[in-house]
């Protein structure tokens, strides 16, 4: 049995005493994320968050067997109705080619409200266009994510629409998608329902190819993309998951920290039910690379006909495993990138959590999406 770190025991006591802010401070200090402070910033959030490094988090009991004694689950988070605001206004906008648009829009539906950006290519639409929903990671926003992934540039070449939903600070103070809460792990409720609502909004205002709808994300956004790939096969044709975690691999903050650190999910986690392309850095110390293996089903015996290729791109070695669709099992492609930490492979360093070295994850994801959607027609 793994013994909990001393500060986690004290943090649990503080949570039970409703001293949530003190518990959060103690966990962050214990994990070395910041030095002790006598005062909190004026806008400090008083609840539990998961914007923590996964390194060093411990739980009592066996997480994989579900016997862990976890901290009480934090309350489900939904954005307050009047809180929608563009956090990207303080950051420079990515370069937009002449004739293209980078629209600021707000979705409001039964499940909740979120702001989002929509990139509309300058290229003339020759019929309905594919749509990619890009889900940012913690502390990021649509402008930052668009810059770091360069997805607008690649979408312009392929004449594809790109949506960038924004997590609201009132739903999560560090702008993480709440992938670890059961409230947001079903396709017809919570944040997955909001994201589906954004897709429907776009389809009503633009000519969208309903057979070519895709979702991709980084870290917490990757975990949310995995949820969409498992719960909404009726809507999304394929998903891309970069440095993410399997659907249903956690049930609260404590188990989220544990699976981020170790890759040991509650049970097996859920493999996407649509084609999936997975990227993960071997040197990722925030989300353990074993999570990427689980999403891709590499921890199972379904490896017949899998093709393994190794190579080097932009100074980074990689191992790519491709597995074609087999019966009810969808196609899968897994990229393990040597030397890459918790960052978007082949991205633009002007954005956060983006590393210019290595294979171009955005280009490879869009290639995979369009090829797999075409194969299903």
Protein backbone atom coordinates (compact mmCIF):
# COMPACT_ATOMS: atom_id res chain seq x y z
CA UNK A 1 0.00 0.00 0.00
CA UNK A 2 1.30 3.46 -0.96
CA UNK A 3 1.42 5.85 1.97
CA UNK A 4 0.12 9.40 1.35
CA UNK A 5 2.56 12.27 1.60
CA UNK A 6 2.26 14.14 4.92
CA UNK A 7 1.01 17.32 3.30
CA UNK A 8 -1.79 15.39 1.51
CA UNK A 9 -3.04 14.10 4.84
CA UNK A 10 -3.13 17.63 6.22
CA UNK A 11 -4.74 18.89 3.00
CA UNK A 12 -7.52 16.32 3.40
CA UNK A 13 -8.12 17.53 6.95
CA UNK A 14 -8.37 21.12 5.69
CA UNK A 15 -10.87 20.13 2.99
CA UNK A 16 -13.03 18.31 5.52
CA UNK A 17 -12.92 21.50 7.61
CA UNK A 18 -14.13 23.49 4.57
CA UNK A 19 -10.80 25.37 4.41
CA UNK A 20 -10.48 24.80 0.67
CA UNK A 21 -8.18 27.72 -0.09
CA UNK A 22 -5.74 26.65 2.63
CA UNK A 23 -5.81 23.07 1.30
CA UNK A 24 -5.04 24.23 -2.24
CA UNK A 25 -2.15 26.40 -1.01
CA UNK A 26 -0.72 23.50 0.98
CA UNK A 27 -0.87 21.06 -1.97
CA UNK A 28 0.79 23.56 -4.32
CA UNK A 29 3.54 24.26 -1.79
CA UNK A 30 4.04 20.55 -1.10
CA UNK A 31 4.40 19.77 -4.80
CA UNK A 32 6.91 22.59 -5.19
CA UNK A 33 4.72 24.70 -7.45
CA UNK A 34 5.17 27.85 -5.41
CA UNK A 35 6.77 29.07 -2.23
CA UNK A 36 4.68 29.75 0.89
CA UNK A 37 2.94 33.10 0.86
CA UNK A 38 1.43 35.04 3.72
CA UNK A 39 -1.25 36.57 1.53
CA UNK A 40 -3.28 35.50 -1.46
CA UNK A 41 -3.84 37.62 -4.57
CA UNK A 42 -7.04 39.70 -4.52
CA UNK A 43 -8.76 37.45 -7.09
CA UNK A 44 -7.68 34.15 -5.52
CA UNK A 45 -10.18 31.33 -5.97
CA UNK A 46 -11.32 29.60 -2.80
CA UNK A 47 -12.12 26.20 -4.30
CA UNK A 48 -10.14 23.14 -5.30
CA UNK A 49 -8.43 23.18 -8.71
CA UNK A 50 -6.32 20.72 -10.68
CA UNK A 51 -3.75 23.18 -12.06
CA UNK A 52 -1.06 21.19 -10.27
CA UNK A 53 1.96 19.23 -11.37
CA UNK A 54 1.28 15.52 -11.26
CA UNK A 55 4.74 14.78 -9.89
CA UNK A 56 4.75 13.67 -6.28
CA UNK A 57 1.01 13.35 -5.71
CA UNK A 58 0.21 10.30 -3.58
CA UNK A 59 -2.96 8.54 -2.53
CA UNK A 60 -3.61 5.93 0.10
CA UNK A 61 -4.62 2.63 -1.44
CA UNK A 62 -4.50 1.22 -4.93
CA UNK A 63 -5.84 3.69 -7.49
CA UNK A 64 -6.10 1.11 -10.26
CA UNK A 65 -8.31 -1.11 -8.14
CA UNK A 66 -10.48 1.78 -7.03
CA UNK A 67 -9.55 1.32 -3.36
CA UNK A 68 -7.90 4.70 -2.95
CA UNK A 69 -9.02 6.85 -0.03
CA UNK A 70 -9.54 10.10 -1.87
CA UNK A 71 -10.11 13.68 -0.86
CA UNK A 72 -13.80 14.64 -1.07
CA UNK A 73 -14.91 15.53 -4.58
CA UNK A 74 -15.08 19.22 -5.37
CA UNK A 75 -18.37 20.67 -6.46
CA UNK A 76 -19.23 20.44 -10.18
CA UNK A 77 -18.31 23.66 -11.95
CA UNK A 78 -20.43 25.51 -14.47
CA UNK A 79 -19.83 28.97 -15.84
CA UNK A 80 -21.90 31.69 -14.23
CA UNK A 81 -24.47 33.08 -16.66
CA UNK A 82 -23.08 36.62 -16.69
CA UNK A 83 -19.38 35.73 -16.64
CA UNK A 84 -18.63 35.28 -20.35
CA UNK A 85 -15.71 37.53 -21.22
CA UNK A 86 -12.91 37.36 -23.79
CA UNK A 87 -9.73 36.66 -21.80
CA UNK A 88 -7.74 36.73 -25.05
CA UNK A 89 -8.13 40.52 -25.29
CA UNK A 90 -4.84 40.95 -23.40
CA UNK A 91 -2.86 38.80 -25.88
CA UNK A 92 -1.79 39.58 -29.45
CA UNK A 93 -4.00 37.97 -32.05
CA UNK A 94 -2.54 35.38 -34.42
CA UNK A 95 -1.90 36.59 -37.94
CA UNK A 96 -5.00 36.25 -40.10
CA UNK A 97 -4.62 36.21 -43.91
CA UNK A 98 -6.53 38.74 -45.95
CA UNK A 99 -10.09 37.61 -46.52
CA UNK A 100 -10.15 35.19 -43.59
CA UNK A 101 -12.12 35.79 -40.39
CA UNK A 102 -11.44 35.02 -36.74
CA UNK A 103 -14.85 35.62 -35.23
CA UNK A 104 -15.70 36.13 -31.57
CA UNK A 105 -18.98 34.38 -30.72
CA UNK A 106 -20.89 33.18 -27.67
CA UNK A 107 -22.92 29.98 -27.39
CA UNK A 108 -25.85 29.91 -24.96
CA UNK A 109 -27.82 26.71 -24.55
CA UNK A 110 -29.59 24.53 -21.97
CA UNK A 111 -26.27 23.11 -20.70
CA UNK A 112 -24.55 26.48 -20.31
CA UNK A 113 -22.71 29.28 -22.08
CA UNK A 114 -19.19 29.60 -23.47
CA UNK A 115 -17.42 32.09 -25.67
CA UNK A 116 -15.50 30.77 -28.65
CA UNK A 117 -13.48 31.86 -31.66
CA UNK A 118 -14.27 30.62 -35.14
CA UNK A 119 -11.69 30.68 -37.92
CA UNK A 120 -13.23 30.98 -41.38
CA UNK A 121 -10.64 30.49 -44.16
CA UNK A 122 -10.16 33.07 -46.89
CA UNK A 123 -10.37 30.31 -49.48
CA UNK A 124 -13.69 30.10 -51.25
CA UNK A 125 -16.03 27.46 -49.87
CA UNK A 126 -16.70 24.85 -52.55
CA UNK A 127 -19.52 23.17 -50.69
CA UNK A 128 -19.81 22.23 -46.99
CA UNK A 129 -16.51 22.41 -45.11
CA UNK A 130 -15.07 20.18 -42.38
CA UNK A 131 -14.96 21.61 -38.85
CA UNK A 132 -12.29 21.02 -36.20
CA UNK A 133 -13.05 21.91 -32.56
CA UNK A 134 -9.78 22.80 -30.79
CA UNK A 135 -9.79 22.52 -26.97
CA UNK A 136 -7.06 24.44 -25.15
CA UNK A 137 -5.23 23.29 -22.03
CA UNK A 138 -5.16 24.80 -18.55
CA UNK A 139 -4.21 28.51 -18.33
CA UNK A 140 -4.59 28.85 -22.10
CA UNK A 141 -7.20 30.64 -24.19
CA UNK A 142 -8.32 30.49 -27.84
CA UNK A 143 -5.89 33.12 -29.13
CA UNK A 144 -2.95 31.53 -27.37
CA UNK A 145 -3.91 28.02 -28.49
CA UNK A 146 -4.42 29.11 -32.10
CA UNK A 147 -0.97 30.68 -32.07
CA UNK A 148 0.77 27.72 -30.46
CA UNK A 149 -0.81 25.03 -32.64
CA UNK A 150 -0.79 27.00 -35.92
CA UNK A 151 -4.03 25.21 -36.73
CA UNK A 152 -5.46 28.28 -38.52
CA UNK A 153 -2.56 28.24 -40.97
CA UNK A 154 -3.00 24.55 -41.72
CA UNK A 155 -6.79 24.85 -41.90
CA UNK A 156 -6.40 27.63 -44.46
CA UNK A 157 -4.46 25.24 -46.71
CA UNK A 158 -7.15 22.56 -46.36
CA UNK A 159 -10.14 24.97 -46.39
CA UNK A 160 -11.37 23.80 -42.99
CA UNK A 161 -13.32 25.70 -40.33
CA UNK A 162 -11.76 25.76 -36.84
CA UNK A 163 -13.56 26.53 -33.57
CA UNK A 164 -11.74 27.37 -30.35
CA UNK A 165 -14.12 27.17 -27.36
CA UNK A 166 -12.95 29.02 -24.27
CA UNK A 167 -13.29 27.64 -20.77
CA UNK A 168 -14.71 30.27 -18.44
CA UNK A 169 -12.86 31.26 -15.30
CA UNK A 170 -15.99 30.87 -13.18
CA UNK A 171 -16.22 27.22 -14.29
CA UNK A 172 -12.54 26.56 -13.57
CA UNK A 173 -10.21 29.26 -12.20
CA UNK A 174 -7.26 28.00 -14.23
CA UNK A 175 -9.32 27.58 -17.41
CA UNK A 176 -9.08 23.76 -17.38
CA UNK A 177 -11.88 21.75 -18.92
CA UNK A 178 -13.40 19.74 -16.07
CA UNK A 179 -12.68 16.31 -17.57
CA UNK A 180 -12.18 14.76 -14.12
CA UNK A 181 -15.71 15.39 -12.81
CA UNK A 182 -18.47 12.84 -13.55
CA UNK A 183 -20.83 15.75 -14.23
CA UNK A 184 -18.80 16.50 -17.36
CA UNK A 185 -18.07 12.95 -18.50
CA UNK A 186 -21.33 12.27 -20.36
CA UNK A 187 -22.00 13.46 -23.88
CA UNK A 188 -25.47 14.85 -23.19
CA UNK A 189 -24.68 17.03 -20.15
CA UNK A 190 -22.18 19.54 -18.79
CA UNK A 191 -19.27 20.73 -20.90
CA UNK A 192 -19.56 18.02 -23.59
CA UNK A 193 -23.13 19.17 -24.22
CA UNK A 194 -21.96 22.80 -24.39
CA UNK A 195 -19.30 21.87 -26.95
CA UNK A 196 -21.86 19.95 -29.00
CA UNK A 197 -24.06 23.05 -28.83
CA UNK A 198 -21.23 25.16 -30.26
CA UNK A 199 -20.96 22.76 -33.18
CA UNK A 200 -24.70 23.07 -33.81
CA UNK A 201 -24.47 26.88 -33.69
CA UNK A 202 -21.73 26.86 -36.32
CA UNK A 203 -23.65 24.40 -38.51
CA UNK A 204 -26.62 26.77 -38.51
CA UNK A 205 -24.55 29.76 -39.65
CA UNK A 206 -22.04 28.09 -41.98
CA UNK A 207 -22.07 25.28 -44.53
CA UNK A 208 -20.57 22.46 -42.43
CA UNK A 209 -19.93 18.92 -43.61
CA UNK A 210 -21.68 16.91 -40.89
CA UNK A 211 -19.71 13.79 -41.81
CA UNK A 212 -16.42 15.56 -41.12
CA UNK A 213 -16.67 17.01 -37.61
CA UNK A 214 -13.56 16.56 -35.45
CA UNK A 215 -12.29 17.49 -31.98
CA UNK A 216 -8.71 17.85 -30.76
CA UNK A 217 -7.13 19.16 -27.58
CA UNK A 218 -4.08 19.49 -25.37
CA UNK A 219 -3.80 18.25 -21.78
CA UNK A 220 -7.17 18.97 -20.10
CA UNK A 221 -8.45 19.81 -23.58
CA UNK A 222 -7.12 16.48 -24.81
CA UNK A 223 -8.93 14.73 -21.98
CA UNK A 224 -12.14 16.48 -23.00
CA UNK A 225 -11.57 15.47 -26.63
CA UNK A 226 -11.26 11.87 -25.40
CA UNK A 227 -14.64 12.24 -23.68
CA UNK A 228 -16.21 13.50 -26.90
CA UNK A 229 -14.64 10.62 -28.81
CA UNK A 230 -16.16 8.13 -26.38
CA UNK A 231 -19.58 9.66 -25.81
CA UNK A 232 -20.47 11.45 -29.07
CA UNK A 233 -19.65 9.13 -31.98
CA UNK A 234 -22.90 10.36 -33.49
CA UNK A 235 -21.38 13.84 -33.86
CA UNK A 236 -17.60 13.54 -34.18
CA UNK A 237 -15.95 11.45 -36.89
CA UNK A 238 -12.51 11.36 -35.22
CA UNK A 239 -10.57 12.96 -32.35
CA UNK A 240 -7.00 14.08 -31.67
CA UNK A 241 -5.60 13.85 -28.15
CA UNK A 242 -2.29 15.53 -27.29
CA UNK A 243 -0.81 14.96 -23.81
CA UNK A 244 -4.27 13.99 -22.59
CA UNK A 245 -5.96 11.41 -20.40
CA UNK A 246 -8.53 8.66 -21.00
CA UNK A 247 -12.23 9.24 -20.57
CA UNK A 248 -13.46 8.15 -17.11
CA UNK A 249 -9.91 7.83 -15.77
CA UNK A 250 -10.68 10.05 -12.75
CA UNK A 251 -13.69 10.98 -10.65
CA UNK A 252 -12.43 13.97 -8.65
CA UNK A 253 -9.40 16.17 -7.99
CA UNK A 254 -7.46 13.57 -6.02
CA UNK A 255 -7.84 10.79 -8.58
CA UNK A 256 -7.07 13.27 -11.37
CA UNK A 257 -3.75 14.10 -9.73
CA UNK A 258 -2.99 10.41 -9.27
CA UNK A 259 -3.67 9.40 -12.89
CA UNK A 260 -1.75 12.42 -14.17
CA UNK A 261 1.26 11.36 -12.10
CA UNK A 262 1.19 7.61 -12.67
CA UNK A 263 -0.99 6.87 -15.68
CA UNK A 264 -2.91 4.35 -13.57
CA UNK A 265 -6.55 5.05 -14.32
CA UNK A 266 -9.62 4.04 -12.36
CA UNK A 267 -10.25 0.68 -14.00
CA UNK A 268 -9.10 0.74 -17.62
CA UNK A 269 -10.39 4.12 -18.67
CA UNK A 270 -12.39 4.26 -21.89
CA UNK A 271 -10.87 3.99 -25.39
CA UNK A 272 -12.49 6.37 -27.92
CA UNK A 273 -15.21 4.78 -30.02
CA UNK A 274 -14.19 6.82 -33.10
CA UNK A 275 -10.82 6.94 -34.90
CA UNK A 276 -8.23 8.63 -32.69
CA UNK A 277 -4.76 10.06 -33.19
CA UNK A 278 -2.70 10.43 -30.02
CA UNK A 279 0.45 12.49 -29.42
CA UNK A 280 2.46 12.32 -26.20
CA UNK A 281 5.94 13.43 -25.21
CA UNK A 282 8.21 10.88 -23.56
CA UNK A 283 9.50 13.60 -21.20
CA UNK A 284 6.06 14.80 -20.13
CA UNK A 285 6.18 15.11 -16.33
CA UNK A 286 2.75 16.74 -16.03
CA UNK A 287 0.65 14.01 -17.67
CA UNK A 288 2.35 10.61 -17.60
CA UNK A 289 2.89 9.15 -21.12
CA UNK A 290 1.16 5.93 -20.01
CA UNK A 291 -2.08 7.87 -20.36
CA UNK A 292 -1.49 8.22 -24.10
CA UNK A 293 -0.83 4.48 -24.34
CA UNK A 294 -4.15 3.76 -22.62
CA UNK A 295 -6.11 6.09 -24.89
CA UNK A 296 -4.64 4.33 -27.92
CA UNK A 297 -5.35 0.89 -26.47
CA UNK A 298 -1.66 -0.03 -26.40
CA UNK A 299 -2.15 -1.67 -23.01
CA UNK A 300 -4.55 -4.20 -24.55
CA UNK A 301 -4.00 -7.22 -26.77
CA UNK A 302 -5.54 -5.56 -29.84
CA UNK A 303 -2.24 -5.15 -31.68
CA UNK A 304 -2.81 -7.44 -34.66
CA UNK A 305 -1.97 -5.68 -37.95
CA UNK A 306 -0.43 -2.73 -36.09
CA UNK A 307 2.34 -1.00 -38.03
CA UNK A 308 5.26 0.57 -36.16
CA UNK A 309 7.47 3.20 -37.79
CA UNK A 310 10.37 5.12 -36.27
CA UNK A 311 11.97 8.29 -37.58
CA UNK A 312 13.19 11.80 -36.85
CA UNK A 313 11.51 15.11 -37.64
CA UNK A 314 13.00 18.50 -36.81
CA UNK A 315 15.58 16.96 -34.52
CA UNK A 316 13.13 14.79 -32.58
CA UNK A 317 12.91 11.03 -32.80
CA UNK A 318 9.45 9.50 -32.78
CA UNK A 319 7.72 6.14 -32.78
CA UNK A 320 4.42 5.97 -34.65
CA UNK A 321 2.07 3.03 -34.27
CA UNK A 322 -0.81 2.72 -36.69
CA UNK A 323 -3.63 0.26 -36.30
CA UNK A 324 -6.39 0.07 -38.94
CA UNK A 325 -10.01 -0.38 -38.02
CA UNK A 326 -10.72 -3.96 -36.91
CA UNK A 327 -14.36 -4.93 -36.65
CA UNK A 328 -15.92 -2.64 -34.04
CA UNK A 329 -12.52 -1.20 -33.07
CA UNK A 330 -11.83 2.11 -34.85
CA UNK A 331 -8.54 3.07 -36.45
CA UNK A 332 -5.85 4.43 -34.16
CA UNK A 333 -2.56 6.27 -34.60
CA UNK A 334 -0.18 6.84 -31.69
CA UNK A 335 2.88 9.14 -31.80
CA UNK A 336 5.43 8.86 -29.00
CA UNK A 337 7.87 11.79 -29.31
CA UNK A 338 11.31 11.57 -27.70
CA UNK A 339 12.54 14.63 -25.81
CA UNK A 340 9.11 16.32 -25.82
CA UNK A 341 7.66 17.54 -22.55
CA UNK A 342 4.15 18.80 -21.85
CA UNK A 343 3.80 20.80 -25.05
CA UNK A 344 2.24 20.71 -28.52
CA UNK A 345 4.64 18.93 -30.88
CA UNK A 346 5.83 21.01 -33.82
CA UNK A 347 4.02 24.10 -32.57
CA UNK A 348 4.90 27.80 -32.52
CA UNK A 349 6.91 28.89 -29.47
CA UNK A 350 5.02 32.20 -29.52
CA UNK A 351 2.17 30.27 -27.89
CA UNK A 352 2.29 28.63 -24.48
CA UNK A 353 2.92 24.87 -24.13
CA UNK A 354 4.16 24.63 -27.72
CA UNK A 355 7.48 23.14 -28.86
CA UNK A 356 8.71 23.84 -32.42
CA UNK A 357 10.78 20.63 -32.54
CA UNK A 358 9.33 17.28 -33.51
CA UNK A 359 6.54 16.15 -35.83
CA UNK A 360 3.85 18.72 -36.66
CA UNK A 361 0.94 17.47 -34.54
CA UNK A 362 -1.58 19.87 -36.12
CA UNK A 363 -0.73 18.82 -39.67
CA UNK A 364 -0.70 15.11 -38.78
CA UNK A 365 -4.01 15.36 -36.94
CA UNK A 366 -5.76 17.10 -39.81
CA UNK A 367 -4.31 14.57 -42.28
CA UNK A 368 -5.59 11.73 -40.07
CA UNK A 369 -9.03 13.33 -39.68
CA UNK A 370 -9.63 13.88 -43.37
CA UNK A 371 -8.28 10.46 -44.37
CA UNK A 372 -10.33 8.56 -41.78
CA UNK A 373 -13.52 10.49 -42.52
CA UNK A 374 -13.06 9.72 -46.22
CA UNK A 375 -12.49 6.02 -45.45
CA UNK A 376 -15.81 5.85 -43.57
CA UNK A 377 -17.88 7.29 -46.43
